[in-house]
Amino acid sequence: FGGYAVGWFRQFPGKEREFVATISWSGGLTYYAD
């Protein structure tokens, strides 16, 4: 798993996938949807 950034997305019926959160490969950086 190391070396990969990982994102979480969600999808509502009939909608495009929406960004939820992401984390850098080290875990040191995280970002969230408002």
PDB file of all heavy atoms in Angstrom:
ATOM      1  N   PHE A   1       0.811  -1.213   0.000  1.00  0.00           N
ATOM      2  CA  PHE A   1       0.000   0.000   0.000  1.00  0.00           C
ATOM      3  C   PHE A   1       0.847   1.266   0.000  1.00  0.00           C
ATOM      4  O   PHE A   1       0.380   2.329  -0.409  1.00  0.00           O
ATOM      5  CB  PHE A   1      -0.866  -0.017   1.265  1.00  0.00           C
ATOM      6  CG  PHE A   1      -2.252   0.476   1.076  1.00  0.00           C
ATOM      7  CD1 PHE A   1      -2.814   0.638  -0.171  1.00  0.00           C
ATOM      8  CD2 PHE A   1      -3.019   0.796   2.186  1.00  0.00           C
ATOM      9  CE1 PHE A   1      -4.098   1.089  -0.325  1.00  0.00           C
ATOM     10  CE2 PHE A   1      -4.307   1.246   2.044  1.00  0.00           C
ATOM     11  CZ  PHE A   1      -4.855   1.393   0.801  1.00  0.00           C
ATOM     12  N   GLY A   2       2.040   1.143   0.509  1.00  0.00           N
ATOM     13  CA  GLY A   2       2.896   2.307   0.590  1.00  0.00           C
ATOM     14  C   GLY A   2       3.181   2.879  -0.795  1.00  0.00           C
ATOM     15  O   GLY A   2       3.249   2.144  -1.769  1.00  0.00           O
ATOM     16  N   GLY A   3       3.309   4.186  -0.850  1.00  0.00           N
ATOM     17  CA  GLY A   3       3.576   4.844  -2.119  1.00  0.00           C
ATOM     18  C   GLY A   3       2.320   5.283  -2.849  1.00  0.00           C
ATOM     19  O   GLY A   3       2.410   5.946  -3.875  1.00  0.00           O
ATOM     20  N   TYR A   4       1.154   4.914  -2.333  1.00  0.00           N
ATOM     21  CA  TYR A   4      -0.104   5.289  -2.955  1.00  0.00           C
ATOM     22  C   TYR A   4      -0.850   6.316  -2.088  1.00  0.00           C
ATOM     23  O   TYR A   4      -0.992   6.119  -0.882  1.00  0.00           O
ATOM     24  CB  TYR A   4      -1.023   4.087  -3.115  1.00  0.00           C
ATOM     25  CG  TYR A   4      -0.592   3.116  -4.192  1.00  0.00           C
ATOM     26  CD1 TYR A   4       0.261   2.068  -3.894  1.00  0.00           C
ATOM     27  CD2 TYR A   4      -1.054   3.248  -5.495  1.00  0.00           C
ATOM     28  CE1 TYR A   4       0.656   1.169  -4.869  1.00  0.00           C
ATOM     29  CE2 TYR A   4      -0.678   2.345  -6.480  1.00  0.00           C
ATOM     30  CZ  TYR A   4       0.174   1.315  -6.158  1.00  0.00           C
ATOM     31  OH  TYR A   4       0.551   0.426  -7.126  1.00  0.00           O
ATOM     32  N   ALA A   5      -1.350   7.344  -2.724  1.00  0.00           N
ATOM     33  CA  ALA A   5      -2.343   8.190  -2.065  1.00  0.00           C
ATOM     34  C   ALA A   5      -3.687   7.467  -2.165  1.00  0.00           C
ATOM     35  O   ALA A   5      -3.952   6.766  -3.143  1.00  0.00           O
ATOM     36  CB  ALA A   5      -2.431   9.553  -2.742  1.00  0.00           C
ATOM     37  N   VAL A   6      -4.507   7.638  -1.174  1.00  0.00           N
ATOM     38  CA  VAL A   6      -5.805   6.957  -1.127  1.00  0.00           C
ATOM     39  C   VAL A   6      -6.903   7.979  -0.946  1.00  0.00           C
ATOM     40  O   VAL A   6      -6.788   8.906  -0.129  1.00  0.00           O
ATOM     41  CB  VAL A   6      -5.856   5.940   0.021  1.00  0.00           C
ATOM     42  CG1 VAL A   6      -7.225   5.251   0.056  1.00  0.00           C
ATOM     43  CG2 VAL A   6      -4.744   4.903  -0.134  1.00  0.00           C
ATOM     44  N   GLY A   7      -7.943   7.817  -1.712  1.00  0.00           N
ATOM     45  CA  GLY A   7      -9.092   8.705  -1.600  1.00  0.00           C
ATOM     46  C   GLY A   7     -10.355   7.930  -1.277  1.00  0.00           C
ATOM     47  O   GLY A   7     -10.481   6.760  -1.641  1.00  0.00           O
ATOM     48  N   TRP A   8     -11.248   8.598  -0.579  1.00  0.00           N
ATOM     49  CA  TRP A   8     -12.611   8.089  -0.375  1.00  0.00           C
ATOM     50  C   TRP A   8     -13.552   8.988  -1.170  1.00  0.00           C
ATOM     51  O   TRP A   8     -13.457  10.220  -1.087  1.00  0.00           O
ATOM     52  CB  TRP A   8     -13.008   8.105   1.093  1.00  0.00           C
ATOM     53  CG  TRP A   8     -12.442   6.989   1.913  1.00  0.00           C
ATOM     54  CD1 TRP A   8     -11.353   7.038   2.723  1.00  0.00           C
ATOM     55  CD2 TRP A   8     -12.954   5.654   2.027  1.00  0.00           C
ATOM     56  NE1 TRP A   8     -11.144   5.823   3.327  1.00  0.00           N
ATOM     57  CE2 TRP A   8     -12.115   4.955   2.923  1.00  0.00           C
ATOM     58  CE3 TRP A   8     -14.036   4.983   1.467  1.00  0.00           C
ATOM     59  CZ2 TRP A   8     -12.331   3.617   3.257  1.00  0.00           C
ATOM     60  CZ3 TRP A   8     -14.250   3.658   1.796  1.00  0.00           C
ATOM     61  CH2 TRP A   8     -13.393   2.988   2.680  1.00  0.00           C
ATOM     62  N   PHE A   9     -14.442   8.356  -1.901  1.00  0.00           N
ATOM     63  CA  PHE A   9     -15.474   9.058  -2.653  1.00  0.00           C
ATOM     64  C   PHE A   9     -16.813   8.427  -2.293  1.00  0.00           C
ATOM     65  O   PHE A   9     -16.877   7.321  -1.758  1.00  0.00           O
ATOM     66  CB  PHE A   9     -15.225   8.912  -4.160  1.00  0.00           C
ATOM     67  CG  PHE A   9     -14.054   9.713  -4.659  1.00  0.00           C
ATOM     68  CD1 PHE A   9     -12.751   9.306  -4.409  1.00  0.00           C
ATOM     69  CD2 PHE A   9     -14.251  10.885  -5.373  1.00  0.00           C
ATOM     70  CE1 PHE A   9     -11.671  10.047  -4.844  1.00  0.00           C
ATOM     71  CE2 PHE A   9     -13.175  11.631  -5.826  1.00  0.00           C
ATOM     72  CZ  PHE A   9     -11.885  11.208  -5.560  1.00  0.00           C
ATOM     73  N   ARG A  10     -17.878   9.134  -2.609  1.00  0.00           N
ATOM     74  CA  ARG A  10     -19.204   8.567  -2.421  1.00  0.00           C
ATOM     75  C   ARG A  10     -20.061   8.896  -3.628  1.00  0.00           C
ATOM     76  O   ARG A  10     -19.808   9.875  -4.339  1.00  0.00           O
ATOM     77  CB  ARG A  10     -19.836   9.058  -1.126  1.00  0.00           C
ATOM     78  CG  ARG A  10     -20.077  10.546  -1.041  1.00  0.00           C
ATOM     79  CD  ARG A  10     -20.532  10.916   0.369  1.00  0.00           C
ATOM     80  NE  ARG A  10     -20.797  12.340   0.495  1.00  0.00           N
ATOM     81  CZ  ARG A  10     -21.113  12.939   1.640  1.00  0.00           C
ATOM     82  NH1 ARG A  10     -21.212  12.227   2.766  1.00  0.00           N
ATOM     83  NH2 ARG A  10     -21.339  14.235   1.675  1.00  0.00           N
ATOM     84  N   GLN A  11     -21.049   8.066  -3.812  1.00  0.00           N
ATOM     85  CA  GLN A  11     -21.912   8.247  -4.967  1.00  0.00           C
ATOM     86  C   GLN A  11     -23.362   8.123  -4.558  1.00  0.00           C
ATOM     87  O   GLN A  11     -23.772   7.115  -3.964  1.00  0.00           O
ATOM     88  CB  GLN A  11     -21.581   7.218  -6.049  1.00  0.00           C
ATOM     89  CG  GLN A  11     -22.252   7.467  -7.379  1.00  0.00           C
ATOM     90  CD  GLN A  11     -21.633   6.649  -8.494  1.00  0.00           C
ATOM     91  OE1 GLN A  11     -21.017   5.610  -8.260  1.00  0.00           O
ATOM     92  NE2 GLN A  11     -21.795   7.118  -9.720  1.00  0.00           N
ATOM     93  N   PHE A  12     -24.117   9.171  -4.879  1.00  0.00           N
ATOM     94  CA  PHE A  12     -25.557   9.176  -4.655  1.00  0.00           C
ATOM     95  C   PHE A  12     -26.227   8.645  -5.909  1.00  0.00           C
ATOM     96  O   PHE A  12     -25.687   8.766  -7.007  1.00  0.00           O
ATOM     97  CB  PHE A  12     -26.034  10.589  -4.337  1.00  0.00           C
ATOM     98  CG  PHE A  12     -25.290  11.247  -3.208  1.00  0.00           C
ATOM     99  CD1 PHE A  12     -24.398  12.275  -3.460  1.00  0.00           C
ATOM    100  CD2 PHE A  12     -25.469  10.835  -1.902  1.00  0.00           C
ATOM    101  CE1 PHE A  12     -23.704  12.889  -2.425  1.00  0.00           C
ATOM    102  CE2 PHE A  12     -24.780  11.437  -0.861  1.00  0.00           C
ATOM    103  CZ  PHE A  12     -23.890  12.454  -1.127  1.00  0.00           C
ATOM    104  N   PRO A  13     -27.425   8.076  -5.779  1.00  0.00           N
ATOM    105  CA  PRO A  13     -28.108   7.536  -6.958  1.00  0.00           C
ATOM    106  C   PRO A  13     -28.239   8.575  -8.066  1.00  0.00           C
ATOM    107  O   PRO A  13     -28.692   9.702  -7.825  1.00  0.00           O
ATOM    108  CB  PRO A  13     -29.481   7.135  -6.399  1.00  0.00           C
ATOM    109  CG  PRO A  13     -29.233   6.853  -4.962  1.00  0.00           C
ATOM    110  CD  PRO A  13     -28.174   7.832  -4.536  1.00  0.00           C
ATOM    111  N   GLY A  14     -27.809   8.204  -9.247  1.00  0.00           N
ATOM    112  CA  GLY A  14     -27.944   9.082 -10.392  1.00  0.00           C
ATOM    113  C   GLY A  14     -26.942  10.221 -10.451  1.00  0.00           C
ATOM    114  O   GLY A  14     -27.056  11.105 -11.302  1.00  0.00           O
ATOM    115  N   LYS A  15     -25.959  10.216  -9.557  1.00  0.00           N
ATOM    116  CA  LYS A  15     -24.986  11.305  -9.497  1.00  0.00           C
ATOM    117  C   LYS A  15     -23.580  10.778  -9.768  1.00  0.00           C
ATOM    118  O   LYS A  15     -23.315   9.577  -9.673  1.00  0.00           O
ATOM    119  CB  LYS A  15     -25.012  11.965  -8.116  1.00  0.00           C
ATOM    120  CG  LYS A  15     -26.352  12.531  -7.717  1.00  0.00           C
ATOM    121  CD  LYS A  15     -26.681  13.792  -8.481  1.00  0.00           C
ATOM    122  CE  LYS A  15     -27.928  14.448  -7.919  1.00  0.00           C
ATOM    123  NZ  LYS A  15     -28.262  15.682  -8.669  1.00  0.00           N
ATOM    124  N   GLU A  16     -22.671  11.707 -10.077  1.00  0.00           N
ATOM    125  CA  GLU A  16     -21.263  11.368 -10.213  1.00  0.00           C
ATOM    126  C   GLU A  16     -20.663  11.108  -8.833  1.00  0.00           C
ATOM    127  O   GLU A  16     -21.192  11.562  -7.820  1.00  0.00           O
ATOM    128  CB  GLU A  16     -20.508  12.530 -10.872  1.00  0.00           C
ATOM    129  CG  GLU A  16     -20.957  12.876 -12.273  1.00  0.00           C
ATOM    130  CD  GLU A  16     -20.502  11.845 -13.275  1.00  0.00           C
ATOM    131  OE1 GLU A  16     -19.355  11.349 -13.132  1.00  0.00           O
ATOM    132  OE2 GLU A  16     -21.274  11.512 -14.181  1.00  0.00           O
ATOM    133  N   ARG A  17     -19.543  10.390  -8.836  1.00  0.00           N
ATOM    134  CA  ARG A  17     -18.846  10.176  -7.569  1.00  0.00           C
ATOM    135  C   ARG A  17     -18.342  11.500  -7.024  1.00  0.00           C
ATOM    136  O   ARG A  17     -17.800  12.325  -7.770  1.00  0.00           O
ATOM    137  CB  ARG A  17     -17.690   9.187  -7.762  1.00  0.00           C
ATOM    138  CG  ARG A  17     -18.208   7.791  -7.989  1.00  0.00           C
ATOM    139  CD  ARG A  17     -17.115   6.771  -8.113  1.00  0.00           C
ATOM    140  NE  ARG A  17     -17.712   5.489  -8.504  1.00  0.00           N
ATOM    141  CZ  ARG A  17     -17.047   4.365  -8.688  1.00  0.00           C
ATOM    142  NH1 ARG A  17     -15.728   4.350  -8.519  1.00  0.00           N
ATOM    143  NH2 ARG A  17     -17.670   3.258  -9.038  1.00  0.00           N
ATOM    144  N   GLU A  18     -18.470  11.667  -5.722  1.00  0.00           N
ATOM    145  CA  GLU A  18     -18.148  12.923  -5.048  1.00  0.00           C
ATOM    146  C   GLU A  18     -16.988  12.696  -4.088  1.00  0.00           C
ATOM    147  O   GLU A  18     -16.973  11.723  -3.326  1.00  0.00           O
ATOM    148  CB  GLU A  18     -19.394  13.381  -4.280  1.00  0.00           C
ATOM    149  CG  GLU A  18     -19.208  14.522  -3.318  1.00  0.00           C
ATOM    150  CD  GLU A  18     -20.471  14.794  -2.526  1.00  0.00           C
ATOM    151  OE1 GLU A  18     -21.421  15.334  -3.098  1.00  0.00           O
ATOM    152  OE2 GLU A  18     -20.491  14.455  -1.328  1.00  0.00           O
ATOM    153  N   PHE A  19     -16.033  13.610  -4.124  1.00  0.00           N
ATOM    154  CA  PHE A  19     -14.882  13.512  -3.233  1.00  0.00           C
ATOM    155  C   PHE A  19     -15.306  13.632  -1.777  1.00  0.00           C
ATOM    156  O   PHE A  19     -16.138  14.485  -1.431  1.00  0.00           O
ATOM    157  CB  PHE A  19     -13.889  14.617  -3.583  1.00  0.00           C
ATOM    158  CG  PHE A  19     -12.781  14.781  -2.580  1.00  0.00           C
ATOM    159  CD1 PHE A  19     -11.751  13.861  -2.506  1.00  0.00           C
ATOM    160  CD2 PHE A  19     -12.778  15.859  -1.706  1.00  0.00           C
ATOM    161  CE1 PHE A  19     -10.736  14.001  -1.575  1.00  0.00           C
ATOM    162  CE2 PHE A  19     -11.778  16.026  -0.774  1.00  0.00           C
ATOM    163  CZ  PHE A  19     -10.746  15.086  -0.706  1.00  0.00           C
ATOM    164  N   VAL A  20     -14.708  12.786  -0.937  1.00  0.00           N
ATOM    165  CA  VAL A  20     -14.969  12.839   0.496  1.00  0.00           C
ATOM    166  C   VAL A  20     -13.697  13.215   1.261  1.00  0.00           C
ATOM    167  O   VAL A  20     -13.682  14.160   2.042  1.00  0.00           O
ATOM    168  CB  VAL A  20     -15.505  11.489   1.010  1.00  0.00           C
ATOM    169  CG1 VAL A  20     -15.649  11.518   2.529  1.00  0.00           C
ATOM    170  CG2 VAL A  20     -16.840  11.154   0.351  1.00  0.00           C
ATOM    171  N   ALA A  21     -12.621  12.441   1.035  1.00  0.00           N
ATOM    172  CA  ALA A  21     -11.379  12.674   1.772  1.00  0.00           C
ATOM    173  C   ALA A  21     -10.234  11.996   1.037  1.00  0.00           C
ATOM    174  O   ALA A  21     -10.451  11.054   0.264  1.00  0.00           O
ATOM    175  CB  ALA A  21     -11.479  12.133   3.197  1.00  0.00           C
ATOM    176  N   THR A  22      -9.023  12.485   1.289  1.00  0.00           N
ATOM    177  CA  THR A  22      -7.852  11.853   0.714  1.00  0.00           C
ATOM    178  C   THR A  22      -6.700  11.928   1.707  1.00  0.00           C
ATOM    179  O   THR A  22      -6.664  12.816   2.562  1.00  0.00           O
ATOM    180  CB  THR A  22      -7.461  12.504  -0.630  1.00  0.00           C
ATOM    181  OG1 THR A  22      -6.415  11.742  -1.245  1.00  0.00           O
ATOM    182  CG2 THR A  22      -6.989  13.937  -0.435  1.00  0.00           C
ATOM    183  N   ILE A  23      -5.789  10.976   1.592  1.00  0.00           N
ATOM    184  CA  ILE A  23      -4.649  10.915   2.493  1.00  0.00           C
ATOM    185  C   ILE A  23      -3.407  10.579   1.676  1.00  0.00           C
ATOM    186  O   ILE A  23      -3.446   9.758   0.760  1.00  0.00           O
ATOM    187  CB  ILE A  23      -4.900   9.875   3.613  1.00  0.00           C
ATOM    188  CG1 ILE A  23      -3.799   9.918   4.672  1.00  0.00           C
ATOM    189  CG2 ILE A  23      -5.065   8.471   3.052  1.00  0.00           C
ATOM    190  CD1 ILE A  23      -4.169   9.159   5.948  1.00  0.00           C
ATOM    191  N   SER A  24      -2.302  11.237   2.004  1.00  0.00           N
ATOM    192  CA  SER A  24      -1.047  10.998   1.303  1.00  0.00           C
ATOM    193  C   SER A  24      -0.484   9.628   1.670  1.00  0.00           C
ATOM    194  O   SER A  24      -0.932   8.982   2.626  1.00  0.00           O
ATOM    195  CB  SER A  24      -0.037  12.087   1.655  1.00  0.00           C
ATOM    196  OG  SER A  24       0.239  12.062   3.052  1.00  0.00           O
ATOM    197  N   TRP A  25       0.532   9.193   0.932  1.00  0.00           N
ATOM    198  CA  TRP A  25       1.061   7.838   1.130  1.00  0.00           C
ATOM    199  C   TRP A  25       1.621   7.672   2.536  1.00  0.00           C
ATOM    200  O   TRP A  25       1.577   6.576   3.101  1.00  0.00           O
ATOM    201  CB  TRP A  25       2.129   7.523   0.086  1.00  0.00           C
ATOM    202  CG  TRP A  25       3.393   8.304   0.256  1.00  0.00           C
ATOM    203  CD1 TRP A  25       3.701   9.503  -0.309  1.00  0.00           C
ATOM    204  CD2 TRP A  25       4.528   7.946   1.055  1.00  0.00           C
ATOM    205  NE1 TRP A  25       4.947   9.909   0.086  1.00  0.00           N
ATOM    206  CE2 TRP A  25       5.480   8.977   0.927  1.00  0.00           C
ATOM    207  CE3 TRP A  25       4.839   6.850   1.857  1.00  0.00           C
ATOM    208  CZ2 TRP A  25       6.706   8.948   1.575  1.00  0.00           C
ATOM    209  CZ3 TRP A  25       6.063   6.810   2.507  1.00  0.00           C
ATOM    210  CH2 TRP A  25       6.976   7.861   2.361  1.00  0.00           C
ATOM    211  N   SER A  26       2.162   8.736   3.100  1.00  0.00           N
ATOM    212  CA  SER A  26       2.737   8.645   4.442  1.00  0.00           C
ATOM    213  C   SER A  26       1.706   8.832   5.541  1.00  0.00           C
ATOM    214  O   SER A  26       1.968   8.541   6.706  1.00  0.00           O
ATOM    215  CB  SER A  26       3.826   9.702   4.616  1.00  0.00           C
ATOM    216  OG  SER A  26       3.240  10.988   4.624  1.00  0.00           O
ATOM    217  N   GLY A  27       0.545   9.367   5.152  1.00  0.00           N
ATOM    218  CA  GLY A  27      -0.471   9.694   6.147  1.00  0.00           C
ATOM    219  C   GLY A  27      -0.309  11.079   6.727  1.00  0.00           C
ATOM    220  O   GLY A  27      -1.111  11.508   7.550  1.00  0.00           O
ATOM    221  N   GLY A  28       0.717  11.798   6.284  1.00  0.00           N
ATOM    222  CA  GLY A  28       0.995  13.099   6.860  1.00  0.00           C
ATOM    223  C   GLY A  28       0.098  14.211   6.367  1.00  0.00           C
ATOM    224  O   GLY A  28       0.005  15.265   6.999  1.00  0.00           O
ATOM    225  N   LEU A  29      -0.537  14.003   5.222  1.00  0.00           N
ATOM    226  CA  LEU A  29      -1.416  15.024   4.652  1.00  0.00           C
ATOM    227  C   LEU A  29      -2.805  14.439   4.456  1.00  0.00           C
ATOM    228  O   LEU A  29      -2.955  13.347   3.899  1.00  0.00           O
ATOM    229  CB  LEU A  29      -0.867  15.496   3.303  1.00  0.00           C
ATOM    230  CG  LEU A  29       0.474  16.232   3.326  1.00  0.00           C
ATOM    231  CD1 LEU A  29       0.950  16.493   1.902  1.00  0.00           C
ATOM    232  CD2 LEU A  29       0.354  17.547   4.093  1.00  0.00           C
ATOM    233  N   THR A  30      -3.792  15.182   4.911  1.00  0.00           N
ATOM    234  CA  THR A  30      -5.181  14.763   4.720  1.00  0.00           C
ATOM    235  C   THR A  30      -5.999  15.975   4.282  1.00  0.00           C
ATOM    236  O   THR A  30      -5.717  17.114   4.684  1.00  0.00           O
ATOM    237  CB  THR A  30      -5.788  14.190   6.009  1.00  0.00           C
ATOM    238  OG1 THR A  30      -5.709  15.165   7.057  1.00  0.00           O
ATOM    239  CG2 THR A  30      -5.055  12.928   6.449  1.00  0.00           C
ATOM    240  N   TYR A  31      -6.995  15.709   3.457  1.00  0.00           N
ATOM    241  CA  TYR A  31      -7.885  16.762   2.979  1.00  0.00           C
ATOM    242  C   TYR A  31      -9.309  16.209   2.972  1.00  0.00           C
ATOM    243  O   TYR A  31      -9.516  15.012   2.745  1.00  0.00           O
ATOM    244  CB  TYR A  31      -7.493  17.221   1.578  1.00  0.00           C
ATOM    245  CG  TYR A  31      -6.123  17.836   1.520  1.00  0.00           C
ATOM    246  CD1 TYR A  31      -5.004  17.060   1.267  1.00  0.00           C
ATOM    247  CD2 TYR A  31      -5.937  19.204   1.744  1.00  0.00           C
ATOM    248  CE1 TYR A  31      -3.741  17.615   1.238  1.00  0.00           C
ATOM    249  CE2 TYR A  31      -4.673  19.763   1.704  1.00  0.00           C
ATOM    250  CZ  TYR A  31      -3.580  18.964   1.452  1.00  0.00           C
ATOM    251  OH  TYR A  31      -2.330  19.518   1.427  1.00  0.00           O
ATOM    252  N   TYR A  32     -10.261  17.113   3.211  1.00  0.00           N
ATOM    253  CA  TYR A  32     -11.653  16.700   3.322  1.00  0.00           C
ATOM    254  C   TYR A  32     -12.556  17.619   2.507  1.00  0.00           C
ATOM    255  O   TYR A  32     -12.281  18.809   2.343  1.00  0.00           O
ATOM    256  CB  TYR A  32     -12.107  16.761   4.790  1.00  0.00           C
ATOM    257  CG  TYR A  32     -11.332  15.849   5.703  1.00  0.00           C
ATOM    258  CD1 TYR A  32     -10.178  16.296   6.349  1.00  0.00           C
ATOM    259  CD2 TYR A  32     -11.737  14.530   5.909  1.00  0.00           C
ATOM    260  CE1 TYR A  32      -9.454  15.451   7.179  1.00  0.00           C
ATOM    261  CE2 TYR A  32     -11.015  13.683   6.747  1.00  0.00           C
ATOM    262  CZ  TYR A  32      -9.877  14.152   7.366  1.00  0.00           C
ATOM    263  OH  TYR A  32      -9.164  13.310   8.193  1.00  0.00           O
ATOM    264  N   ALA A  33     -13.653  17.058   2.048  1.00  0.00           N
ATOM    265  CA  ALA A  33     -14.710  17.882   1.478  1.00  0.00           C
ATOM    266  C   ALA A  33     -15.326  18.718   2.587  1.00  0.00           C
ATOM    267  O   ALA A  33     -15.393  18.283   3.744  1.00  0.00           O
ATOM    268  CB  ALA A  33     -15.774  16.988   0.837  1.00  0.00           C
ATOM    269  N   ASP A  34     -15.776  19.901   2.235  1.00  0.00           N
ATOM    270  CA  ASP A  34     -16.374  20.780   3.240  1.00  0.00           C
ATOM    271  C   ASP A  34     -17.560  20.120   3.927  1.00  0.00           C
ATOM    272  O   ASP A  34     -17.804  20.349   5.117  1.00  0.00           O
ATOM    273  CB  ASP A  34     -16.823  22.087   2.588  1.00  0.00           C
ATOM    274  CG  ASP A  34     -15.645  22.978   2.213  1.00  0.00           C
ATOM    275  OD1 ASP A  34     -14.528  22.760   2.725  1.00  0.00           O
ATOM    276  OD2 ASP A  34     -15.846  23.891   1.387  1.00  0.00           O
TER     277      ASP A  34
END
